Protein backbone atom coordinates (compact mmCIF):
# COMPACT_ATOMS: atom_id res chain seq x y z
CA MET A 1 -0.01 0.01 0.03
CA THR A 2 1.28 3.42 -0.93
CA ALA A 3 1.53 6.23 1.66
CA ARG A 4 -0.57 9.23 0.96
CA ILE A 5 -0.76 11.03 4.33
CA ALA A 6 2.10 12.42 6.50
CA LEU A 7 1.64 12.25 10.27
CA PHE A 8 4.28 13.96 12.41
CA ASP A 9 5.17 13.97 16.08
CA LEU A 10 6.20 17.51 17.14
CA GLY A 11 8.56 17.62 20.02
CA ASN A 12 12.12 17.01 18.83
CA VAL A 13 10.84 16.23 15.35
CA VAL A 14 9.55 19.62 14.28
CA VAL A 15 10.49 21.81 17.26
CA ASP A 16 13.58 21.37 19.40
CA TRP A 17 12.30 21.01 23.04
CA GLU A 18 14.47 20.50 26.14
CA PRO A 19 13.23 21.57 29.64
CA ALA A 20 16.83 21.65 30.88
CA ARG A 21 17.47 24.53 28.45
CA LEU A 22 15.25 26.78 30.60
CA TYR A 23 16.81 25.79 33.78
CA ARG A 24 20.35 26.35 32.50
CA GLN A 25 19.34 29.97 32.33
CA LEU A 26 18.49 29.85 36.03
CA MET A 27 21.34 27.81 37.43
CA ASP A 28 24.47 25.97 36.35
CA ALA A 29 24.20 23.11 33.90
CA ASP A 30 24.82 20.33 36.38
CA SER A 31 22.12 21.73 38.75
CA ALA A 32 19.73 22.11 35.93
CA ALA A 33 20.22 18.58 34.82
CA ARG A 34 19.67 17.37 38.45
CA PHE A 35 16.59 19.57 38.86
CA CYS A 36 14.98 17.95 35.81
CA GLU A 37 16.03 14.43 37.01
CA GLU A 38 14.81 14.84 40.62
CA VAL A 39 12.15 17.51 40.78
CA CYS A 40 10.41 18.49 37.49
CA THR A 41 10.80 15.06 35.98
CA MET A 42 9.45 13.81 32.68
CA GLU A 43 7.12 11.50 34.75
CA TRP A 44 5.81 14.59 36.45
CA HIS A 45 5.45 16.46 33.11
CA ASN A 46 3.58 13.53 31.56
CA ALA A 47 0.51 14.46 33.71
CA HIS A 48 0.27 17.72 31.69
CA ASP A 49 0.32 15.64 28.46
CA ARG A 50 -2.68 13.73 29.87
CA GLY A 51 -4.66 16.77 30.76
CA VAL A 52 -3.71 17.88 34.28
CA SER A 53 -3.23 21.62 34.45
CA MET A 54 0.07 22.98 35.14
CA VAL A 55 -1.16 24.89 38.18
CA ASP A 56 -2.66 21.79 39.73
CA ASN A 57 0.23 19.52 38.89
CA ALA A 58 2.69 22.07 40.56
CA LEU A 59 0.87 22.24 43.86
CA PRO A 60 2.02 18.90 45.27
CA LEU A 61 5.49 19.33 44.00
CA ILE A 62 5.76 22.80 45.62
CA GLU A 63 4.62 21.29 48.92
CA LYS A 64 7.32 18.67 48.66
CA HIS A 65 9.97 21.30 47.52
CA PRO A 66 8.86 24.69 48.94
CA ASP A 67 12.25 26.09 48.43
CA LYS A 68 12.07 25.49 44.69
CA ALA A 69 8.49 26.96 44.18
CA GLU A 70 9.55 29.57 41.73
CA LEU A 71 11.63 27.11 39.70
CA ILE A 72 8.69 24.74 39.58
CA ARG A 73 6.36 27.51 38.45
CA ALA A 74 8.76 28.50 35.74
CA TRP A 75 7.83 25.32 33.88
CA SER A 76 4.65 27.09 33.00
CA SER A 77 5.60 30.78 33.13
CA ARG A 78 8.65 30.38 30.93
CA TRP A 79 7.47 27.56 28.82
CA LEU A 80 8.88 28.92 25.55
CA ASP A 81 12.29 29.11 27.03
CA MET A 82 12.48 25.32 26.76
CA PHE A 83 12.50 25.53 22.98
CA HIS A 84 15.49 26.18 20.72
CA GLY A 85 13.74 26.96 17.40
CA TYR A 86 12.90 24.28 14.84
CA VAL A 87 14.67 21.01 14.25
CA ASP A 88 17.14 21.77 11.39
CA GLY A 89 15.68 20.99 7.97
CA VAL A 90 12.24 19.85 9.08
CA PRO A 91 10.11 22.85 8.39
CA GLU A 92 11.43 22.82 4.71
CA LEU A 93 10.23 19.25 4.38
CA ILE A 94 6.79 20.18 5.81
CA THR A 95 6.66 22.98 3.21
CA ALA A 96 7.66 20.61 0.46
CA LEU A 97 4.96 18.10 1.38
CA GLY A 98 2.36 20.95 1.43
CA GLN A 99 3.37 22.02 -2.03
CA ARG A 100 2.84 18.41 -3.24
CA LYS A 101 -0.69 18.64 -1.61
CA ILE A 102 0.18 15.82 0.77
CA PRO A 103 -2.39 15.86 3.64
CA LEU A 104 -0.37 16.92 6.83
CA TYR A 105 -1.36 15.91 10.36
CA ALA A 106 0.28 15.86 13.68
CA LEU A 107 -0.04 13.59 16.77
CA THR A 108 1.64 15.03 19.80
CA ASN A 109 1.95 14.47 23.61
CA PHE A 110 1.46 18.06 24.58
CA PRO A 111 -0.18 20.30 27.26
CA GLY A 112 -3.14 21.88 25.48
CA GLU A 113 -3.02 24.95 27.66
CA LYS A 114 0.36 25.82 25.99
CA TRP A 115 -0.64 25.12 22.42
CA ALA A 116 -1.72 28.47 21.27
CA GLU A 117 1.40 30.34 22.43
CA THR A 118 3.61 27.61 21.06
CA ALA A 119 1.86 27.67 17.67
CA ASP A 120 2.20 31.54 17.60
CA ALA A 121 5.96 31.06 18.25
CA PHE A 122 6.50 28.44 15.61
CA PRO A 123 4.10 29.22 12.75
CA VAL A 124 4.91 25.91 10.86
CA LEU A 125 2.77 24.19 13.50
CA ASN A 126 -0.25 25.83 11.85
CA ASP A 127 0.48 24.12 8.56
CA PHE A 128 -1.13 20.83 9.75
CA ALA A 129 -4.72 20.14 8.76
CA ASP A 130 -5.35 18.82 12.29
CA VAL A 131 -3.17 18.19 15.43
CA VAL A 132 -4.21 15.57 17.83
CA ILE A 133 -3.09 16.94 21.20
CA SER A 134 -2.89 14.36 23.97
CA SER A 135 -4.15 16.55 26.83
CA GLU A 136 -7.25 17.49 24.92
CA VAL A 137 -8.32 13.89 24.35
CA ARG A 138 -7.08 12.57 27.65
CA MET A 139 -4.86 9.92 26.31
CA ALA A 140 -1.21 9.89 25.16
CA LYS A 141 1.24 7.96 23.07
CA PRO A 142 2.07 5.18 23.24
CA ASP A 143 -1.46 4.25 24.19
CA ARG A 144 -2.98 2.29 21.29
CA ALA A 145 -6.29 4.12 21.64
CA ILE A 146 -4.69 7.50 20.67
CA TYR A 147 -3.68 6.12 17.32
CA ALA A 148 -7.16 4.81 16.58
CA LEU A 149 -8.56 8.23 17.44
CA THR A 150 -5.92 9.83 15.15
CA LEU A 151 -7.03 7.70 12.24
CA GLU A 152 -10.62 8.74 12.88
CA ARG A 153 -9.62 12.41 12.95
CA MET A 154 -7.88 11.87 9.58
CA GLY A 155 -11.04 10.52 8.00
CA ASN A 156 -10.36 6.77 8.64
CA PRO A 157 -7.71 6.17 6.03
CA GLU A 158 -6.22 2.72 5.91
CA PRO A 159 -3.34 2.57 8.35
CA GLY A 160 -0.98 1.53 5.59
CA GLU A 161 -1.71 4.81 3.80
CA VAL A 162 -0.20 6.83 6.77
CA PHE A 163 3.44 7.61 7.11
CA PHE A 164 4.24 8.44 10.71
CA THR A 165 7.53 9.82 12.17
CA ASP A 166 8.39 10.16 15.90
CA ASP A 167 11.68 10.30 17.72
CA ARG A 168 10.66 7.68 20.39
CA GLN A 169 10.83 4.05 19.57
CA ASP A 170 7.97 2.99 21.83
CA ASN A 171 5.67 5.32 19.89
CA ILE A 172 6.98 4.00 16.60
CA ASP A 173 6.36 0.42 17.72
CA VAL A 174 2.71 0.96 18.47
CA ALA A 175 2.10 2.81 15.33
CA SER A 176 3.74 0.04 13.31
CA SER A 177 1.55 -2.56 15.17
CA VAL A 178 -1.58 -0.75 14.03
CA GLY A 179 -0.33 -0.85 10.40
CA MET A 180 1.11 2.58 9.87
CA ILE A 181 4.30 3.10 7.75
CA THR A 182 6.85 4.37 10.34
CA HIS A 183 10.09 6.15 10.51
CA ARG A 184 11.99 6.81 13.73
CA PHE A 185 13.14 10.39 13.48
CA VAL A 186 16.90 11.19 13.98
CA THR A 187 17.72 13.80 11.28
CA ALA A 188 15.91 15.75 8.64
CA ALA A 189 18.09 14.00 6.05
CA GLY A 190 16.97 10.58 7.14
CA LEU A 191 13.35 11.68 7.23
CA LYS A 192 13.67 13.13 3.69
CA ALA A 193 14.99 9.87 2.47
CA ALA A 194 12.17 7.94 3.97
CA LEU A 195 9.49 10.27 2.68
CA THR A 196 11.03 9.94 -0.67
CA GLU A 197 11.21 6.16 -0.54
CA HIS A 198 7.45 6.08 0.26
CA GLY A 199 6.56 8.39 -2.58
CA LEU A 200 5.61 11.41 -0.51
CA LEU A 201 8.46 13.61 -1.76
C-alpha cells in the first residue's frame, strides 16, 4: 500500500524542546540537569500531556519542595524558554509536502494549555490540517487508543496509507503494530530519504 498522508510527532521532530534549556538559564548546567531528574521530571510532566493543568500539577511538587517553588512555576511561566527553534531542515520538508498537496497531520503528547502560544511562536505548526493533542483527548502516546482516534480524525484512511514519524521508539512500535508506515526520526536528512522512499516527496 502506498503512503498518501504524512503524520508528524512535534517535540524533537519539528520543534527542538528540552526542559533543561530553561533551567540552565536559572542555574548551572549540572544543577539544571539534576533539577530535571529529581524535581520537575518527565514522569511529572507527563501528567500535563494527559490533561492535568500546570497549576494543579505544580501544587504537590511545591509542597514537597517549597524552596524550589519559583523554579517549579517557571515550567509554565517560561514555557517557551524550553525551545530552541525548529529542528534543522524539518520545516522545509513540511513545506515541500504541502506544495505536493500531501495531507499533513500531527499527533503530539502536549499540554493543550500551551498550544496557542507555542503555535504562535512556531508558525509551521499551523500548517497541519489537524493536530491531535494528547491533553485535549485525555490519552497519550504510546497508548494504542490515541492512534485509533488519530485515524478517525484523519477520516479513517487505511493505516498503511499513513506515514508516521516520531523520535521515540515506543511510539513508533505501537504505530507499526496498528499498520502505519513508520520512521524513527533522527535527522531531517533521514526523514527526507524515508519520505522519498514512500513516494511522498
